[in-house]
């Protein structure tokens, strides 16, 4: 019985990226990082608009990392990975949002005295 064939079959099911896709992901990540850094260093945007632009660049970079490095997509083989990721994001939003809500309420109640 040849175990190498069955072990190789299990690994080939996951979508591993090619050199080209890793290179594309790396180049996009570097461009997004340099764009955010340049935005801050040149002072092109300030205040709220700079914060929104950096948050937008960060969100795009998260998508680039998920697609090009973690190989997440909408295929049926990735369904459990997407479900686990969605649950993780939901949990993080609840924890961060709940923390901010509690801190805001504590601040408002302490400042009123």
C-alpha atoms as a PDB file:
ATOM      1  CA  UNK A   1       0.000   0.000   0.000  1.00  0.00           C
ATOM      2  CA  UNK A   2       1.486   3.313  -1.072  1.00  0.00           C
ATOM      3  CA  UNK A   3       0.784   5.957   1.585  1.00  0.00           C
ATOM      4  CA  UNK A   4       2.491   8.768  -0.289  1.00  0.00           C
ATOM      5  CA  UNK A   5      -0.281   8.899  -2.891  1.00  0.00           C
ATOM      6  CA  UNK A   6      -3.060   9.210  -0.309  1.00  0.00           C
ATOM      7  CA  UNK A   7      -1.126  11.797   1.682  1.00  0.00           C
ATOM      8  CA  UNK A   8      -0.459  13.795  -1.479  1.00  0.00           C
ATOM      9  CA  UNK A   9      -4.146  13.656  -2.401  1.00  0.00           C
ATOM     10  CA  UNK A  10      -5.138  15.179   0.920  1.00  0.00           C
ATOM     11  CA  UNK A  11      -2.733  18.083   0.459  1.00  0.00           C
ATOM     12  CA  UNK A  12      -3.676  18.789  -3.132  1.00  0.00           C
ATOM     13  CA  UNK A  13      -7.316  19.415  -2.165  1.00  0.00           C
ATOM     14  CA  UNK A  14      -6.473  22.769  -0.542  1.00  0.00           C
ATOM     15  CA  UNK A  15      -5.897  25.583  -3.007  1.00  0.00           C
ATOM     16  CA  UNK A  16      -2.213  26.414  -2.760  1.00  0.00           C
ATOM     17  CA  UNK A  17      -1.088  29.506  -4.566  1.00  0.00           C
ATOM     18  CA  UNK A  18       1.408  29.767  -7.354  1.00  0.00           C
ATOM     19  CA  UNK A  19       4.543  31.867  -7.363  1.00  0.00           C
ATOM     20  CA  UNK A  20       2.720  34.416  -9.496  1.00  0.00           C
ATOM     21  CA  UNK A  21      -0.201  34.766  -7.095  1.00  0.00           C
ATOM     22  CA  UNK A  22       2.137  35.158  -4.115  1.00  0.00           C
ATOM     23  CA  UNK A  23       4.123  37.769  -6.030  1.00  0.00           C
ATOM     24  CA  UNK A  24       0.933  39.638  -6.961  1.00  0.00           C
ATOM     25  CA  UNK A  25      -0.228  39.571  -3.339  1.00  0.00           C
ATOM     26  CA  UNK A  26       3.155  40.775  -2.105  1.00  0.00           C
ATOM     27  CA  UNK A  27       3.282  43.633  -4.613  1.00  0.00           C
ATOM     28  CA  UNK A  28      -0.270  44.724  -3.744  1.00  0.00           C
ATOM     29  CA  UNK A  29       0.499  44.570  -0.013  1.00  0.00           C
ATOM     30  CA  UNK A  30       3.647  46.677  -0.478  1.00  0.00           C
ATOM     31  CA  UNK A  31       1.766  49.224  -2.613  1.00  0.00           C
ATOM     32  CA  UNK A  32      -1.003  49.542  -0.011  1.00  0.00           C
ATOM     33  CA  UNK A  33       1.527  49.887   2.825  1.00  0.00           C
ATOM     34  CA  UNK A  34       3.548  52.522   0.965  1.00  0.00           C
ATOM     35  CA  UNK A  35       0.341  54.394   0.087  1.00  0.00           C
ATOM     36  CA  UNK A  36      -0.725  54.557   3.730  1.00  0.00           C
ATOM     37  CA  UNK A  37       2.774  55.559   4.836  1.00  0.00           C
ATOM     38  CA  UNK A  38       3.008  58.247   2.145  1.00  0.00           C
ATOM     39  CA  UNK A  39      -0.425  59.548   3.069  1.00  0.00           C
ATOM     40  CA  UNK A  40       0.733  60.164   6.625  1.00  0.00           C
ATOM     41  CA  UNK A  41       4.238  61.393   5.874  1.00  0.00           C
ATOM     42  CA  UNK A  42       3.256  63.897   3.176  1.00  0.00           C
ATOM     43  CA  UNK A  43       0.303  65.258   5.129  1.00  0.00           C
ATOM     44  CA  UNK A  44      -1.888  65.099   2.036  1.00  0.00           C
ATOM     45  CA  UNK A  45      -4.937  64.368   4.152  1.00  0.00           C
ATOM     46  CA  UNK A  46      -5.432  65.363   7.761  1.00  0.00           C
ATOM     47  CA  UNK A  47      -7.848  64.584  10.521  1.00  0.00           C
ATOM     48  CA  UNK A  48     -10.939  62.552   9.808  1.00  0.00           C
ATOM     49  CA  UNK A  49     -10.263  62.183   6.081  1.00  0.00           C
ATOM     50  CA  UNK A  50      -6.782  60.739   6.747  1.00  0.00           C
ATOM     51  CA  UNK A  51      -8.224  58.305   9.273  1.00  0.00           C
ATOM     52  CA  UNK A  52     -10.883  57.133   6.817  1.00  0.00           C
ATOM     53  CA  UNK A  53      -8.353  56.774   3.996  1.00  0.00           C
ATOM     54  CA  UNK A  54      -5.971  54.719   6.165  1.00  0.00           C
ATOM     55  CA  UNK A  55      -8.856  52.553   7.388  1.00  0.00           C
ATOM     56  CA  UNK A  56      -9.915  51.996   3.764  1.00  0.00           C
ATOM     57  CA  UNK A  57      -6.380  51.029   2.753  1.00  0.00           C
ATOM     58  CA  UNK A  58      -6.175  48.694   5.757  1.00  0.00           C
ATOM     59  CA  UNK A  59      -9.447  47.007   4.787  1.00  0.00           C
ATOM     60  CA  UNK A  60      -8.244  46.491   1.212  1.00  0.00           C
ATOM     61  CA  UNK A  61      -4.976  45.067   2.541  1.00  0.00           C
ATOM     62  CA  UNK A  62      -6.909  42.596   4.728  1.00  0.00           C
ATOM     63  CA  UNK A  63      -8.793  41.431   1.623  1.00  0.00           C
ATOM     64  CA  UNK A  64      -5.502  41.086  -0.312  1.00  0.00           C
ATOM     65  CA  UNK A  65      -4.014  38.945   2.472  1.00  0.00           C
ATOM     66  CA  UNK A  66      -7.105  36.754   2.722  1.00  0.00           C
ATOM     67  CA  UNK A  67      -7.272  36.129  -1.021  1.00  0.00           C
ATOM     68  CA  UNK A  68      -3.619  35.886  -2.029  1.00  0.00           C
ATOM     69  CA  UNK A  69      -1.982  34.409   1.081  1.00  0.00           C
ATOM     70  CA  UNK A  70      -4.748  32.516   2.918  1.00  0.00           C
ATOM     71  CA  UNK A  71      -6.418  31.489  -0.377  1.00  0.00           C
ATOM     72  CA  UNK A  72      -9.935  32.226   0.821  1.00  0.00           C
ATOM     73  CA  UNK A  73     -12.530  32.262  -1.919  1.00  0.00           C
ATOM     74  CA  UNK A  74     -16.179  31.381  -2.421  1.00  0.00           C
ATOM     75  CA  UNK A  75     -15.623  27.818  -3.660  1.00  0.00           C
ATOM     76  CA  UNK A  76     -17.453  24.982  -1.936  1.00  0.00           C
ATOM     77  CA  UNK A  77     -14.194  23.560  -0.574  1.00  0.00           C
ATOM     78  CA  UNK A  78     -13.607  26.819   1.325  1.00  0.00           C
ATOM     79  CA  UNK A  79     -17.080  26.996   2.869  1.00  0.00           C
ATOM     80  CA  UNK A  80     -15.993  25.925   6.386  1.00  0.00           C
ATOM     81  CA  UNK A  81     -13.011  28.284   6.308  1.00  0.00           C
ATOM     82  CA  UNK A  82     -15.281  31.172   5.350  1.00  0.00           C
ATOM     83  CA  UNK A  83     -17.780  30.204   8.041  1.00  0.00           C
ATOM     84  CA  UNK A  84     -15.051  30.066  10.687  1.00  0.00           C
ATOM     85  CA  UNK A  85     -13.660  33.396   9.485  1.00  0.00           C
ATOM     86  CA  UNK A  86     -17.104  35.025   9.557  1.00  0.00           C
ATOM     87  CA  UNK A  87     -17.653  33.751  13.105  1.00  0.00           C
ATOM     88  CA  UNK A  88     -14.254  35.111  14.139  1.00  0.00           C
ATOM     89  CA  UNK A  89     -15.041  38.519  12.633  1.00  0.00           C
ATOM     90  CA  UNK A  90     -18.465  38.578  14.307  1.00  0.00           C
ATOM     91  CA  UNK A  91     -16.922  37.683  17.670  1.00  0.00           C
ATOM     92  CA  UNK A  92     -14.253  40.372  17.292  1.00  0.00           C
ATOM     93  CA  UNK A  93     -16.886  42.975  16.369  1.00  0.00           C
ATOM     94  CA  UNK A  94     -18.981  42.035  19.407  1.00  0.00           C
ATOM     95  CA  UNK A  95     -15.976  42.158  21.745  1.00  0.00           C
ATOM     96  CA  UNK A  96     -14.587  45.446  20.394  1.00  0.00           C
ATOM     97  CA  UNK A  97     -18.002  47.064  20.000  1.00  0.00           C
ATOM     98  CA  UNK A  98     -19.098  45.929  23.457  1.00  0.00           C
ATOM     99  CA  UNK A  99     -15.895  47.218  24.993  1.00  0.00           C
ATOM    100  CA  UNK A 100     -16.291  50.608  23.344  1.00  0.00           C
ATOM    101  CA  UNK A 101     -19.932  50.761  24.399  1.00  0.00           C
ATOM    102  CA  UNK A 102     -19.100  49.958  28.035  1.00  0.00           C
ATOM    103  CA  UNK A 103     -16.207  52.435  28.073  1.00  0.00           C
ATOM    104  CA  UNK A 104     -18.443  55.156  26.605  1.00  0.00           C
ATOM    105  CA  UNK A 105     -21.178  54.511  29.164  1.00  0.00           C
ATOM    106  CA  UNK A 106     -18.693  54.490  32.040  1.00  0.00           C
ATOM    107  CA  UNK A 107     -17.175  57.724  30.768  1.00  0.00           C
ATOM    108  CA  UNK A 108     -20.575  59.393  30.436  1.00  0.00           C
ATOM    109  CA  UNK A 109     -21.706  58.270  33.892  1.00  0.00           C
ATOM    110  CA  UNK A 110     -18.459  59.237  35.591  1.00  0.00           C
ATOM    111  CA  UNK A 111     -18.290  62.650  33.955  1.00  0.00           C
ATOM    112  CA  UNK A 112     -21.830  63.538  35.006  1.00  0.00           C
ATOM    113  CA  UNK A 113     -20.947  63.497  38.701  1.00  0.00           C
END
